[in-house]
Amino acid sequence: MRYGCVRNAAELTVRWSRSSHSGPNGGQCVETATLPGGEIAAVRDSKRPHGPALLFDRRAWTAFLRSLRRIRRPRPNDPLVCP
């Protein structure tokens, strides 16, 4: 697995995107982008576009996304359970 970070995400020449589940104000979400070549994914805080970005190779990013899809979302009547 390869990963890293950059201090100023705005220095990356990429197109950032965010989930359609983000609110209209876009205040509490992360943004993702794929670096040229398609092998590295970048993640940054939408509130800090000039802040750091985390970088992940394709294998690590794909594994992360798969793990998110395996998590069952709570239903409205589910009791609150904390680990």
C-alpha atoms as a PDB file:
ATOM      1  CA  MET A   1       0.000   0.000   0.000  1.00  0.00           C
ATOM      2  CA  ARG A   2       1.264   3.425  -0.916  1.00  0.00           C
ATOM      3  CA  TYR A   3       0.018   6.625   0.646  1.00  0.00           C
ATOM      4  CA  GLY A   4       1.154  10.103   1.548  1.00  0.00           C
ATOM      5  CA  CYS A   5       0.007  13.678   1.854  1.00  0.00           C
ATOM      6  CA  VAL A   6       0.508  17.163   0.481  1.00  0.00           C
ATOM      7  CA  ARG A   7       0.422  20.307   2.611  1.00  0.00           C
ATOM      8  CA  ASN A   8      -1.679  22.407   0.227  1.00  0.00           C
ATOM      9  CA  ALA A   9      -4.402  20.508  -1.631  1.00  0.00           C
ATOM     10  CA  ALA A  10      -5.034  23.525  -3.866  1.00  0.00           C
ATOM     11  CA  GLU A  11      -1.637  22.869  -5.495  1.00  0.00           C
ATOM     12  CA  LEU A  12      -2.989  19.652  -7.006  1.00  0.00           C
ATOM     13  CA  THR A  13      -4.238  20.192 -10.548  1.00  0.00           C
ATOM     14  CA  VAL A  14      -7.320  17.995 -10.226  1.00  0.00           C
ATOM     15  CA  ARG A  15     -11.086  18.345 -10.266  1.00  0.00           C
ATOM     16  CA  TRP A  16     -12.460  17.858  -6.752  1.00  0.00           C
ATOM     17  CA  SER A  17     -15.877  16.295  -6.193  1.00  0.00           C
ATOM     18  CA  ARG A  18     -18.093  15.602  -3.200  1.00  0.00           C
ATOM     19  CA  SER A  19     -20.954  13.271  -2.407  1.00  0.00           C
ATOM     20  CA  SER A  20     -24.461  14.127  -3.523  1.00  0.00           C
ATOM     21  CA  HIS A  21     -25.399  13.452   0.128  1.00  0.00           C
ATOM     22  CA  SER A  22     -23.563  16.621   1.154  1.00  0.00           C
ATOM     23  CA  GLY A  23     -25.831  19.457   2.133  1.00  0.00           C
ATOM     24  CA  PRO A  24     -26.315  22.482  -0.116  1.00  0.00           C
ATOM     25  CA  ASN A  25     -23.842  24.485   1.971  1.00  0.00           C
ATOM     26  CA  GLY A  26     -21.134  21.838   1.607  1.00  0.00           C
ATOM     27  CA  GLY A  27     -19.812  22.581   5.063  1.00  0.00           C
ATOM     28  CA  GLN A  28     -19.217  19.148   6.540  1.00  0.00           C
ATOM     29  CA  CYS A  29     -17.851  16.816   3.932  1.00  0.00           C
ATOM     30  CA  VAL A  30     -14.723  15.570   2.298  1.00  0.00           C
ATOM     31  CA  GLU A  31     -13.817  16.019  -1.337  1.00  0.00           C
ATOM     32  CA  THR A  32     -12.087  13.443  -3.484  1.00  0.00           C
ATOM     33  CA  ALA A  33     -10.129  13.568  -6.707  1.00  0.00           C
ATOM     34  CA  THR A  34      -8.088  11.260  -8.891  1.00  0.00           C
ATOM     35  CA  LEU A  35      -4.615  12.436  -9.821  1.00  0.00           C
ATOM     36  CA  PRO A  36      -3.504  12.350 -13.474  1.00  0.00           C
ATOM     37  CA  GLY A  37      -2.712   8.786 -14.472  1.00  0.00           C
ATOM     38  CA  GLY A  38      -5.553   7.406 -12.356  1.00  0.00           C
ATOM     39  CA  GLU A  39      -3.371   5.559  -9.847  1.00  0.00           C
ATOM     40  CA  ILE A  40      -3.636   7.934  -6.868  1.00  0.00           C
ATOM     41  CA  ALA A  41      -6.768   9.165  -5.050  1.00  0.00           C
ATOM     42  CA  ALA A  42      -6.694  12.390  -3.045  1.00  0.00           C
ATOM     43  CA  VAL A  43      -8.980  13.325  -0.131  1.00  0.00           C
ATOM     44  CA  ARG A  44      -9.336  16.759   1.487  1.00  0.00           C
ATOM     45  CA  ASP A  45     -11.595  18.621   3.916  1.00  0.00           C
ATOM     46  CA  SER A  46     -14.071  20.765   1.974  1.00  0.00           C
ATOM     47  CA  LYS A  47     -13.777  23.523   4.575  1.00  0.00           C
ATOM     48  CA  ARG A  48     -10.007  23.728   4.055  1.00  0.00           C
ATOM     49  CA  PRO A  49      -9.325  23.654   0.304  1.00  0.00           C
ATOM     50  CA  HIS A  50      -5.804  25.004   0.897  1.00  0.00           C
ATOM     51  CA  GLY A  51      -5.183  22.565   3.743  1.00  0.00           C
ATOM     52  CA  PRO A  52      -3.592  19.129   3.488  1.00  0.00           C
ATOM     53  CA  ALA A  53      -4.794  16.294   1.290  1.00  0.00           C
ATOM     54  CA  LEU A  54      -4.293  12.599   1.940  1.00  0.00           C
ATOM     55  CA  LEU A  55      -3.103  10.487  -0.981  1.00  0.00           C
ATOM     56  CA  PHE A  56      -3.814   6.775  -1.454  1.00  0.00           C
ATOM     57  CA  ASP A  57      -2.845   4.349  -4.180  1.00  0.00           C
ATOM     58  CA  ARG A  58      -5.670   2.720  -6.131  1.00  0.00           C
ATOM     59  CA  ARG A  59      -5.501  -0.549  -4.189  1.00  0.00           C
ATOM     60  CA  ALA A  60      -5.778   1.134  -0.766  1.00  0.00           C
ATOM     61  CA  TRP A  61      -8.571   3.469  -1.916  1.00  0.00           C
ATOM     62  CA  THR A  62     -10.571   0.599  -3.439  1.00  0.00           C
ATOM     63  CA  ALA A  63     -10.220  -1.443  -0.231  1.00  0.00           C
ATOM     64  CA  PHE A  64     -11.414   1.536   1.817  1.00  0.00           C
ATOM     65  CA  LEU A  65     -14.483   2.055  -0.390  1.00  0.00           C
ATOM     66  CA  ARG A  66     -15.344  -1.661  -0.226  1.00  0.00           C
ATOM     67  CA  SER A  67     -15.197  -1.579   3.565  1.00  0.00           C
ATOM     68  CA  LEU A  68     -17.621   1.370   3.617  1.00  0.00           C
ATOM     69  CA  ARG A  69     -20.083  -0.497   1.423  1.00  0.00           C
ATOM     70  CA  ARG A  70     -20.098  -3.436   3.845  1.00  0.00           C
ATOM     71  CA  ILE A  71     -21.251  -1.279   6.755  1.00  0.00           C
ATOM     72  CA  ARG A  72     -24.990  -1.574   7.294  1.00  0.00           C
ATOM     73  CA  ARG A  73     -26.673   1.784   7.569  1.00  0.00           C
ATOM     74  CA  PRO A  74     -28.917   2.243  10.608  1.00  0.00           C
ATOM     75  CA  ARG A  75     -32.659   2.255  10.060  1.00  0.00           C
ATOM     76  CA  PRO A  76     -34.903   4.907  11.661  1.00  0.00           C
ATOM     77  CA  ASN A  77     -36.154   2.567  14.433  1.00  0.00           C
ATOM     78  CA  ASP A  78     -32.785   0.976  15.265  1.00  0.00           C
ATOM     79  CA  PRO A  79     -31.651   1.507  18.858  1.00  0.00           C
ATOM     80  CA  LEU A  80     -28.517   3.572  19.300  1.00  0.00           C
ATOM     81  CA  VAL A  81     -25.623   1.181  19.855  1.00  0.00           C
ATOM     82  CA  CYS A  82     -22.109   2.403  20.542  1.00  0.00           C
ATOM     83  CA  PRO A  83     -19.155  -0.010  20.434  1.00  0.00           C
END
